[in-house]
C-alpha atoms as a PDB file:
ATOM      1  CA  MET A   1      79.436  96.175 105.766  1.00  0.00           C
ATOM      2  CA  PHE A   2      81.331  95.079 101.997  1.00  0.00           C
ATOM      3  CA  THR A   3      84.570  92.136 102.047  1.00  0.00           C
ATOM      4  CA  VAL A   4      85.326  93.892  98.971  1.00  0.00           C
ATOM      5  CA  PHE A   5      85.519  97.148  99.869  1.00  0.00           C
ATOM      6  CA  THR A   6      86.238  97.202 102.529  1.00  0.00           C
ATOM      7  CA  PHE A   7      90.070  95.720 101.616  1.00  0.00           C
ATOM      8  CA  VAL A   8      89.623  98.189  98.397  1.00  0.00           C
ATOM      9  CA  LEU A   9      89.354 100.992 100.624  1.00  0.00           C
ATOM     10  CA  TYR A  10      91.657  99.640 103.347  1.00  0.00           C
ATOM     11  CA  ALA A  11      94.531  99.474  99.731  1.00  0.00           C
ATOM     12  CA  VAL A  12      93.731 102.480  99.175  1.00  0.00           C
ATOM     13  CA  SER A  13      94.257 104.282 102.592  1.00  0.00           C
ATOM     14  CA  ALA A  14      98.249 101.521 102.573  1.00  0.00           C
ATOM     15  CA  VAL A  15      98.776 102.276  99.568  1.00  0.00           C
ATOM     16  CA  LEU A  16      98.167 106.753  99.848  1.00  0.00           C
ATOM     17  CA  SER A  17     100.146 106.451 103.892  1.00  0.00           C
ATOM     18  CA  VAL A  18     103.115 104.488 101.688  1.00  0.00           C
ATOM     19  CA  TRP A  19     103.692 106.602  99.170  1.00  0.00           C
ATOM     20  CA  SER A  20     103.265 110.116 101.460  1.00  0.00           C
ATOM     21  CA  ILE A  21     105.683 109.144 103.535  1.00  0.00           C
ATOM     22  CA  VAL A  22     108.150 107.699 100.925  1.00  0.00           C
ATOM     23  CA  GLU A  23     107.339 111.766  99.427  1.00  0.00           C
ATOM     24  CA  THR A  24     108.542 113.016 102.973  1.00  0.00           C
ATOM     25  CA  ILE A  25     110.899 111.788 103.166  1.00  0.00           C
ATOM     26  CA  ARG A  26     112.328 112.901 100.018  1.00  0.00           C
ATOM     27  CA  ASN A  27     111.081 116.273 101.390  1.00  0.00           C
ATOM     28  CA  ARG A  28     109.027 116.889  98.446  1.00  0.00           C
ATOM     29  CA  PRO A  29     105.197 118.606  97.860  1.00  0.00           C
ATOM     30  CA  ALA A  30     102.512 117.171  96.996  1.00  0.00           C
ATOM     31  CA  GLY A  31     102.053 115.706  93.350  1.00  0.00           C
ATOM     32  CA  ARG A  32      99.259 115.544  91.195  1.00  0.00           C
ATOM     33  CA  LEU A  33      98.950 111.947  91.188  1.00  0.00           C
ATOM     34  CA  LEU A  34      99.344 111.937  94.872  1.00  0.00           C
ATOM     35  CA  LEU A  35      96.502 113.835  95.770  1.00  0.00           C
ATOM     36  CA  GLY A  36      94.358 111.991  93.511  1.00  0.00           C
ATOM     37  CA  VAL A  37      95.202 109.351  95.038  1.00  0.00           C
ATOM     38  CA  THR A  38      93.617 110.975  98.694  1.00  0.00           C
ATOM     39  CA  ALA A  39      90.497 112.656  97.136  1.00  0.00           C
ATOM     40  CA  LEU A  40      89.973 108.944  94.806  1.00  0.00           C
ATOM     41  CA  LEU A  41      90.083 107.852  98.615  1.00  0.00           C
ATOM     42  CA  LEU A  42      87.634 110.254  99.969  1.00  0.00           C
ATOM     43  CA  LEU A  43      84.795 109.289  96.609  1.00  0.00           C
ATOM     44  CA  LEU A  44      85.540 105.965  98.203  1.00  0.00           C
ATOM     45  CA  LEU A  45      84.937 106.836 101.615  1.00  0.00           C
ATOM     46  CA  ILE A  46      81.821 109.451 100.155  1.00  0.00           C
ATOM     47  CA  ALA A  47      80.506 105.651  98.502  1.00  0.00           C
ATOM     48  CA  GLN A  48      81.056 103.636 102.172  1.00  0.00           C
ATOM     49  CA  LEU A  49      77.966 106.441 103.632  1.00  0.00           C
ATOM     50  CA  ILE A  50      75.764 105.932 100.548  1.00  0.00           C
ATOM     51  CA  VAL A  51      76.010 102.789 100.575  1.00  0.00           C
ATOM     52  CA  SER A  52      76.176 102.177 103.885  1.00  0.00           C
ATOM     53  CA  ILE A  53      72.811 104.335 103.948  1.00  0.00           C
ATOM     54  CA  ALA A  54      71.202 101.980 101.942  1.00  0.00           C
ATOM     55  CA  ALA A  55      72.128  98.519 103.247  1.00  0.00           C
ATOM     56  CA  PHE A  56      71.283 100.148 106.940  1.00  0.00           C
ATOM     57  CA  GLY A  57      67.855  98.747 107.326  1.00  0.00           C
ATOM     58  CA  SER A  58      68.983  95.567 107.054  1.00  0.00           C
ATOM     59  CA  SER A  59      71.461  95.736 110.027  1.00  0.00           C
ATOM     60  CA  GLU A  60      70.347  94.517 113.780  1.00  0.00           C
ATOM     61  CA  ASN A  61      73.127  95.024 116.087  1.00  0.00           C
ATOM     62  CA  VAL A  62      74.806  98.376 114.850  1.00  0.00           C
ATOM     63  CA  ASP A  63      74.370 101.950 116.444  1.00  0.00           C
ATOM     64  CA  PRO A  64      73.807 104.451 113.786  1.00  0.00           C
ATOM     65  CA  LEU A  65      75.064 107.565 116.328  1.00  0.00           C
ATOM     66  CA  LEU A  66      78.661 105.051 116.277  1.00  0.00           C
ATOM     67  CA  PHE A  67      79.007 104.272 112.927  1.00  0.00           C
ATOM     68  CA  PHE A  68      78.478 107.558 111.009  1.00  0.00           C
ATOM     69  CA  GLY A  69      80.292 109.034 113.161  1.00  0.00           C
ATOM     70  CA  TYR A  70      83.317 106.544 112.052  1.00  0.00           C
ATOM     71  CA  VAL A  71      82.551 107.491 108.438  1.00  0.00           C
ATOM     72  CA  LEU A  72      81.669 110.832 109.124  1.00  0.00           C
ATOM     73  CA  THR A  73      85.281 111.721 111.123  1.00  0.00           C
ATOM     74  CA  ALA A  74      86.758 109.521 108.014  1.00  0.00           C
ATOM     75  CA  ILE A  75      86.087 112.152 105.130  1.00  0.00           C
ATOM     76  CA  LEU A  76      86.510 115.015 107.572  1.00  0.00           C
ATOM     77  CA  VAL A  77      89.639 113.838 108.248  1.00  0.00           C
ATOM     78  CA  VAL A  78      90.892 113.076 104.382  1.00  0.00           C
ATOM     79  CA  GLY A  79      88.955 116.229 102.935  1.00  0.00           C
ATOM     80  CA  LEU A  80      91.415 118.006 105.304  1.00  0.00           C
ATOM     81  CA  ALA A  81      94.484 116.363 105.245  1.00  0.00           C
ATOM     82  CA  GLY A  82      94.301 116.973 100.807  1.00  0.00           C
ATOM     83  CA  PHE A  83      93.710 120.689 101.588  1.00  0.00           C
ATOM     84  CA  TRP A  84      96.523 121.534 103.939  1.00  0.00           C
ATOM     85  CA  ALA A  85      98.625 119.050 101.729  1.00  0.00           C
ATOM     86  CA  PHE A  86      97.482 121.086  98.691  1.00  0.00           C
ATOM     87  CA  ALA A  87      97.830 123.782 100.698  1.00  0.00           C
ATOM     88  CA  GLU A  88     100.899 123.127 102.160  1.00  0.00           C
ATOM     89  CA  LEU A  89     103.995 123.240  99.498  1.00  0.00           C
ATOM     90  CA  SER A  90     107.012 121.684 102.061  1.00  0.00           C
ATOM     91  CA  ARG A  91     107.609 117.956 103.357  1.00  0.00           C
ATOM     92  CA  TRP A  92     105.048 118.231 105.498  1.00  0.00           C
ATOM     93  CA  GLY A  93     102.177 118.160 102.945  1.00  0.00           C
ATOM     94  CA  PRO A  94     103.171 114.878 102.541  1.00  0.00           C
ATOM     95  CA  GLY A  95     103.105 114.121 105.752  1.00  0.00           C
ATOM     96  CA  VAL A  96      99.852 115.442 107.429  1.00  0.00           C
ATOM     97  CA  LEU A  97      98.459 112.675 104.140  1.00  0.00           C
ATOM     98  CA  ALA A  98     100.335 110.448 106.290  1.00  0.00           C
ATOM     99  CA  ALA A  99      99.207 110.258 108.764  1.00  0.00           C
ATOM    100  CA  GLY A 100      95.460 110.833 107.220  1.00  0.00           C
ATOM    101  CA  GLY A 101      95.517 107.784 105.578  1.00  0.00           C
ATOM    102  CA  LEU A 102      96.806 105.798 108.988  1.00  0.00           C
ATOM    103  CA  THR A 103      94.100 106.795 111.218  1.00  0.00           C
ATOM    104  CA  VAL A 104      91.446 106.156 107.804  1.00  0.00           C
ATOM    105  CA  ILE A 105      92.416 103.088 108.420  1.00  0.00           C
ATOM    106  CA  VAL A 106      92.290 103.026 112.126  1.00  0.00           C
ATOM    107  CA  MET A 107      88.772 104.417 111.763  1.00  0.00           C
ATOM    108  CA  ILE A 108      87.591 102.257 108.462  1.00  0.00           C
ATOM    109  CA  GLU A 109      88.595  98.611 111.494  1.00  0.00           C
ATOM    110  CA  ARG A 110      86.651 100.142 113.938  1.00  0.00           C
ATOM    111  CA  MET A 111      83.406 100.601 111.446  1.00  0.00           C
ATOM    112  CA  ASP A 112      83.844  96.807 109.776  1.00  0.00           C
ATOM    113  CA  GLN A 113      83.526  96.198 113.668  1.00  0.00           C
ATOM    114  CA  ILE A 114      80.987  98.136 114.618  1.00  0.00           C
ATOM    115  CA  TRP A 115      78.394  97.354 111.336  1.00  0.00           C
ATOM    116  CA  GLN A 116      79.317  93.107 112.585  1.00  0.00           C
END
């Protein structure tokens, strides 16, 4: 995978997770800016999918089902967490975003391991 892009994914996921945890502790619903960061992470994961498809021909030891399963699952997790946070107007909306962000951090690490 691409190192700079991987670090950007880590950074955005970490910002989303920490910010969501803070908003959950403060007992506030997810605001527009927090949902915007969620949308940014979703767009970056979609870009990851597109770049991975384009670069897949040059990789030799990558299991396509496993790798693209992780990418598509990460996209699904962030999309569903964002929708849930938008619909849930209590503190648990950001709580779901925090769980989704932490899950995506682990999935990004696993995608990086599979790609190498």
